């Protein structure tokens, strides 16, 4: 039974797409940075064994003693696993390649789909005051991604503005439906965000048209442009907002954050 005296918890969003190279980690980092910049404390949970979100926010490999692996499989204090980044209001639980073996180790656990759900809702989380938790999922529909969907209130889907972009979405939607039916009936789709959009390219415009015709209002109005500053920022271990605050990429992620906040406020998503 829930405790009515506890503060309202953070909005938990899984950023997921089983296709690689669609801007999933880039969106997690930069949307998180934009929400934090707007004054909303954010926790990023790196659930991808590649650990790119951790690297992209400056968490060196040797600094990842405790990670999402320990969060899921060990009884570890949150203060040991949550790390600061170089930005105010933005923290992260990092990942390492150890997470790649978690799927096998989770199989025998009877609560295997609920481990992240429970970890993110423990009482010790309250003192951090997070308003948003963004989960960077691996590029596959495995048990880690299922954990993210069971833990989340909603799923945000980055969609690359290229040919065959919509192919594969049906499998993702099927997984979301299965999680709704079995473990998280309130899970919904936060929205689909078009990434790597090139306004000079007829193909990008066609993908946008197809997405809006097929998915309607689920598609965010904000388009994330193909922008060299967005691509460069991770090599400097920071978000594009910190790397080049006035770039088109930084401006787009701020707009996406504002659209997300507005949708929350108005209850339209």
Protein backbone atom coordinates (compact mmCIF):
# COMPACT_ATOMS: atom_id res chain seq x y z
CA UNK A 1 0.00 0.00 0.00
CA UNK A 2 1.36 3.43 -0.94
CA UNK A 3 2.27 5.93 1.76
CA UNK A 4 0.10 9.08 1.42
CA UNK A 5 2.67 11.09 3.39
CA UNK A 6 5.44 10.52 0.83
CA UNK A 7 6.07 13.29 -1.69
CA UNK A 8 4.88 12.71 -5.25
CA UNK A 9 7.61 10.87 -7.08
CA UNK A 10 9.35 11.87 -10.30
CA UNK A 11 7.97 11.35 -13.77
CA UNK A 12 9.80 8.29 -15.13
CA UNK A 13 10.31 8.11 -18.90
CA UNK A 14 11.95 5.22 -20.76
CA UNK A 15 13.73 6.38 -23.92
CA UNK A 16 13.50 3.33 -26.16
CA UNK A 17 13.88 2.08 -29.70
CA UNK A 18 15.27 -1.35 -30.53
CA UNK A 19 16.98 0.08 -33.63
CA UNK A 20 20.46 1.42 -33.02
CA UNK A 21 21.71 4.76 -34.29
CA UNK A 22 18.42 6.62 -33.97
CA UNK A 23 19.61 9.22 -31.45
CA UNK A 24 18.33 7.46 -28.35
CA UNK A 25 21.26 8.21 -26.05
CA UNK A 26 21.75 11.66 -27.59
CA UNK A 27 18.11 12.45 -26.86
CA UNK A 28 18.36 11.11 -23.30
CA UNK A 29 21.41 13.26 -22.53
CA UNK A 30 20.22 16.45 -24.17
CA UNK A 31 16.58 16.28 -23.13
CA UNK A 32 17.79 15.63 -19.58
CA UNK A 33 20.15 18.60 -19.80
CA UNK A 34 17.38 20.84 -21.16
CA UNK A 35 14.94 19.84 -18.41
CA UNK A 36 17.66 20.44 -15.81
CA UNK A 37 18.51 23.82 -17.33
CA UNK A 38 14.82 24.74 -17.04
CA UNK A 39 15.02 24.10 -13.29
CA UNK A 40 13.72 20.53 -13.11
CA UNK A 41 16.05 18.11 -11.25
CA UNK A 42 16.75 15.11 -13.48
CA UNK A 43 18.23 11.65 -12.96
CA UNK A 44 19.48 9.74 -15.99
CA UNK A 45 19.59 5.95 -15.60
CA UNK A 46 22.06 4.43 -18.05
CA UNK A 47 20.60 1.00 -18.81
CA UNK A 48 22.69 0.40 -21.93
CA UNK A 49 25.75 -1.87 -21.44
CA UNK A 50 27.64 0.35 -23.90
CA UNK A 51 27.53 3.08 -21.25
CA UNK A 52 27.41 5.87 -23.82
CA UNK A 53 25.19 8.13 -21.72
CA UNK A 54 27.70 7.83 -18.88
CA UNK A 55 30.64 8.64 -21.15
CA UNK A 56 28.69 11.46 -22.79
CA UNK A 57 28.18 13.12 -19.40
CA UNK A 58 31.80 12.82 -18.32
CA UNK A 59 31.70 9.77 -16.04
CA UNK A 60 35.11 8.13 -16.54
CA UNK A 61 35.27 4.32 -16.62
CA UNK A 62 37.33 4.17 -13.42
CA UNK A 63 34.67 6.24 -11.63
CA UNK A 64 31.96 3.64 -12.31
CA UNK A 65 32.56 1.41 -9.29
CA UNK A 66 28.82 1.09 -8.66
CA UNK A 67 26.43 1.12 -11.61
CA UNK A 68 22.98 0.11 -12.80
CA UNK A 69 24.21 -3.50 -12.59
CA UNK A 70 24.55 -3.20 -8.81
CA UNK A 71 21.30 -1.22 -8.65
CA UNK A 72 19.42 -4.13 -10.21
CA UNK A 73 21.23 -7.11 -8.71
CA UNK A 74 22.75 -5.99 -5.40
CA UNK A 75 21.42 -4.32 -2.28
CA UNK A 76 23.25 -1.03 -2.75
CA UNK A 77 22.67 2.42 -1.27
CA UNK A 78 21.51 5.03 -3.76
CA UNK A 79 24.14 7.50 -2.58
CA UNK A 80 26.79 5.03 -3.76
CA UNK A 81 25.37 4.67 -7.25
CA UNK A 82 23.99 8.14 -8.10
CA UNK A 83 26.69 10.48 -9.42
CA UNK A 84 26.79 14.19 -10.17
CA UNK A 85 27.49 15.45 -13.68
CA UNK A 86 29.01 18.77 -14.63
CA UNK A 87 25.55 20.37 -14.85
CA UNK A 88 23.31 21.62 -12.08
CA UNK A 89 20.13 19.59 -11.53
CA UNK A 90 21.46 16.68 -13.60
CA UNK A 91 22.65 13.39 -12.04
CA UNK A 92 23.25 9.92 -13.43
CA UNK A 93 23.42 6.25 -12.50
CA UNK A 94 26.17 5.06 -14.85
CA UNK A 95 26.57 1.74 -16.68
CA UNK A 96 29.41 -0.54 -17.73
CA UNK A 97 29.67 -3.60 -19.93
CA UNK A 98 28.92 -5.71 -16.82
CA UNK A 99 25.27 -4.93 -17.55
CA UNK A 100 25.44 -7.12 -20.66
CA UNK A 101 25.36 -10.22 -18.45
CA UNK A 102 22.42 -8.97 -16.39
CA UNK A 103 19.83 -10.54 -18.71
CA UNK A 104 21.13 -14.03 -17.93
CA UNK A 105 21.36 -13.34 -14.21
CA UNK A 106 17.85 -11.87 -14.07
CA UNK A 107 16.19 -14.92 -15.63
CA UNK A 108 16.20 -16.88 -12.37
CA UNK A 109 14.88 -13.96 -10.29
CA UNK A 110 11.12 -14.21 -9.76
CA UNK A 111 10.89 -10.39 -9.58
CA UNK A 112 13.09 -10.01 -12.65
CA UNK A 113 10.82 -7.53 -14.45
CA UNK A 114 10.26 -5.32 -11.38
CA UNK A 115 13.81 -4.79 -10.09
CA UNK A 116 14.26 -1.33 -11.62
CA UNK A 117 10.69 -0.37 -10.69
CA UNK A 118 11.39 -1.10 -7.03
CA UNK A 119 14.87 0.44 -7.03
CA UNK A 120 13.58 3.77 -8.36
CA UNK A 121 10.74 3.91 -5.84
CA UNK A 122 12.64 3.26 -2.62
CA UNK A 123 12.19 5.83 0.13
CA UNK A 124 15.84 6.93 -0.10
CA UNK A 125 15.05 8.41 -3.53
CA UNK A 126 12.82 11.10 -1.96
CA UNK A 127 15.66 13.22 -0.61
CA UNK A 128 17.05 13.87 -4.09
CA UNK A 129 13.88 15.65 -5.20
CA UNK A 130 14.06 14.50 -8.81
CA UNK A 131 11.19 15.66 -11.01
CA UNK A 132 12.17 13.52 -14.00
CA UNK A 133 13.97 10.21 -14.41
CA UNK A 134 15.05 9.36 -17.97
CA UNK A 135 16.05 5.76 -18.64
CA UNK A 136 18.41 5.22 -21.59
CA UNK A 137 17.42 1.75 -22.82
CA UNK A 138 19.65 -0.65 -24.78
CA UNK A 139 19.00 -0.95 -28.54
CA UNK A 140 17.06 -4.21 -28.13
CA UNK A 141 13.80 -5.43 -26.65
CA UNK A 142 15.44 -7.52 -23.92
CA UNK A 143 14.80 -7.95 -20.20
CA UNK A 144 16.59 -4.68 -19.43
CA UNK A 145 14.20 -2.78 -21.70
CA UNK A 146 11.25 -4.60 -20.14
CA UNK A 147 12.53 -3.50 -16.71
CA UNK A 148 12.61 0.09 -17.96
CA UNK A 149 9.03 -0.13 -19.27
CA UNK A 150 7.74 -1.69 -16.07
CA UNK A 151 9.45 1.07 -14.08
CA UNK A 152 8.32 3.92 -16.33
CA UNK A 153 5.17 5.98 -16.57
CA UNK A 154 5.72 6.44 -20.29
CA UNK A 155 7.95 5.63 -23.27
CA UNK A 156 9.57 8.26 -25.49
CA UNK A 157 10.58 6.93 -28.91
CA UNK A 158 13.33 8.65 -30.94
CA UNK A 159 12.75 8.03 -34.65
CA UNK A 160 15.49 8.70 -37.17
CA UNK A 161 14.35 10.72 -40.18
CA UNK A 162 15.51 8.15 -42.72
CA UNK A 163 14.11 5.45 -45.00
CA UNK A 164 12.53 2.48 -43.16
CA UNK A 165 12.24 4.64 -40.02
CA UNK A 166 8.73 3.40 -39.25
CA UNK A 167 9.66 -0.25 -39.81
CA UNK A 168 10.31 -1.92 -36.49
CA UNK A 169 8.03 0.44 -34.58
CA UNK A 170 5.30 -2.20 -34.67
CA UNK A 171 7.46 -4.58 -32.63
CA UNK A 172 8.18 -1.83 -30.09
CA UNK A 173 4.47 -1.01 -29.83
CA UNK A 174 3.71 -4.72 -29.36
CA UNK A 175 6.21 -4.89 -26.50
CA UNK A 176 4.63 -1.82 -24.88
CA UNK A 177 1.20 -3.47 -25.21
CA UNK A 178 2.48 -6.71 -23.63
CA UNK A 179 3.98 -4.79 -20.69
CA UNK A 180 0.65 -3.00 -20.24
CA UNK A 181 -1.22 -6.29 -20.15
CA UNK A 182 1.16 -8.10 -17.80
CA UNK A 183 2.98 -5.69 -15.50
CA UNK A 184 2.30 -1.97 -15.99
CA UNK A 185 -1.27 -1.21 -17.07
CA UNK A 186 -0.72 2.55 -16.87
CA UNK A 187 2.25 2.63 -19.26
CA UNK A 188 1.65 4.99 -22.16
CA UNK A 189 3.55 6.45 -25.08
CA UNK A 190 4.98 9.85 -24.20
CA UNK A 191 5.54 10.56 -27.85
CA UNK A 192 7.70 10.01 -30.89
CA UNK A 193 10.44 12.53 -31.61
CA UNK A 194 11.96 12.80 -35.07
CA UNK A 195 15.75 13.01 -34.88
CA UNK A 196 18.53 13.80 -37.40
CA UNK A 197 16.02 15.83 -39.40
CA UNK A 198 17.35 17.59 -42.50
CA UNK A 199 14.93 20.22 -43.77
CA UNK A 200 16.78 20.38 -47.11
CA UNK A 201 16.14 16.70 -47.68
CA UNK A 202 12.89 15.52 -49.28
CA UNK A 203 13.27 12.18 -47.49
CA UNK A 204 13.13 13.80 -44.05
CA UNK A 205 9.95 15.63 -45.02
CA UNK A 206 8.44 12.38 -46.31
CA UNK A 207 9.32 10.53 -43.11
CA UNK A 208 7.74 13.33 -41.08
CA UNK A 209 4.58 13.19 -43.19
CA UNK A 210 4.36 9.40 -42.87
CA UNK A 211 4.94 9.55 -39.11
CA UNK A 212 2.27 12.19 -38.57
CA UNK A 213 -0.22 10.35 -40.81
CA UNK A 214 0.36 7.05 -38.98
CA UNK A 215 0.91 8.25 -35.42
CA UNK A 216 -0.97 11.55 -35.31
CA UNK A 217 -0.58 13.59 -32.16
CA UNK A 218 1.92 11.13 -30.71
CA UNK A 219 4.59 12.84 -32.85
CA UNK A 220 6.17 15.83 -31.11
CA UNK A 221 5.98 19.13 -32.98
CA UNK A 222 9.66 19.68 -32.21
CA UNK A 223 12.07 18.28 -34.79
CA UNK A 224 15.66 17.51 -33.78
CA UNK A 225 17.88 18.63 -36.67
CA UNK A 226 20.93 16.89 -38.03
CA UNK A 227 23.51 19.17 -36.42
CA UNK A 228 27.29 18.81 -36.21
CA UNK A 229 27.33 20.34 -32.71
CA UNK A 230 25.05 17.57 -31.44
CA UNK A 231 27.46 14.99 -32.89
CA UNK A 232 30.55 16.69 -31.45
CA UNK A 233 29.29 17.26 -27.89
CA UNK A 234 29.74 13.66 -26.59
CA UNK A 235 33.45 13.71 -27.46
CA UNK A 236 33.74 16.63 -25.03
CA UNK A 237 31.78 14.64 -22.40
CA UNK A 238 28.94 17.12 -22.20
CA UNK A 239 25.50 17.93 -23.59
CA UNK A 240 25.10 20.07 -26.67
CA UNK A 241 23.52 22.73 -24.44
CA UNK A 242 26.80 23.13 -22.58
CA UNK A 243 29.00 22.57 -25.64
CA UNK A 244 27.31 25.15 -27.88
CA UNK A 245 24.34 26.78 -26.19
CA UNK A 246 23.20 28.69 -29.28
CA UNK A 247 23.46 25.83 -31.79
CA UNK A 248 20.39 24.58 -33.62
CA UNK A 249 20.64 21.29 -31.74
CA UNK A 250 20.67 22.96 -28.33
CA UNK A 251 17.72 25.15 -29.27
CA UNK A 252 15.75 22.12 -30.53
CA UNK A 253 16.29 20.13 -27.32
CA UNK A 254 15.17 23.11 -25.24
CA UNK A 255 12.02 23.26 -27.37
CA UNK A 256 11.47 19.51 -26.90
CA UNK A 257 11.83 19.90 -23.12
CA UNK A 258 9.31 22.75 -23.08
CA UNK A 259 6.87 20.74 -25.22
CA UNK A 260 7.24 17.78 -22.85
CA UNK A 261 6.64 19.98 -19.80
CA UNK A 262 3.64 21.61 -21.46
CA UNK A 263 2.14 18.22 -22.31
CA UNK A 264 2.56 17.19 -18.66
CA UNK A 265 1.00 20.41 -17.39
CA UNK A 266 -1.96 20.27 -19.77
CA UNK A 267 -2.43 16.53 -19.41
CA UNK A 268 -2.40 16.10 -23.18
CA UNK A 269 -0.06 13.11 -22.97
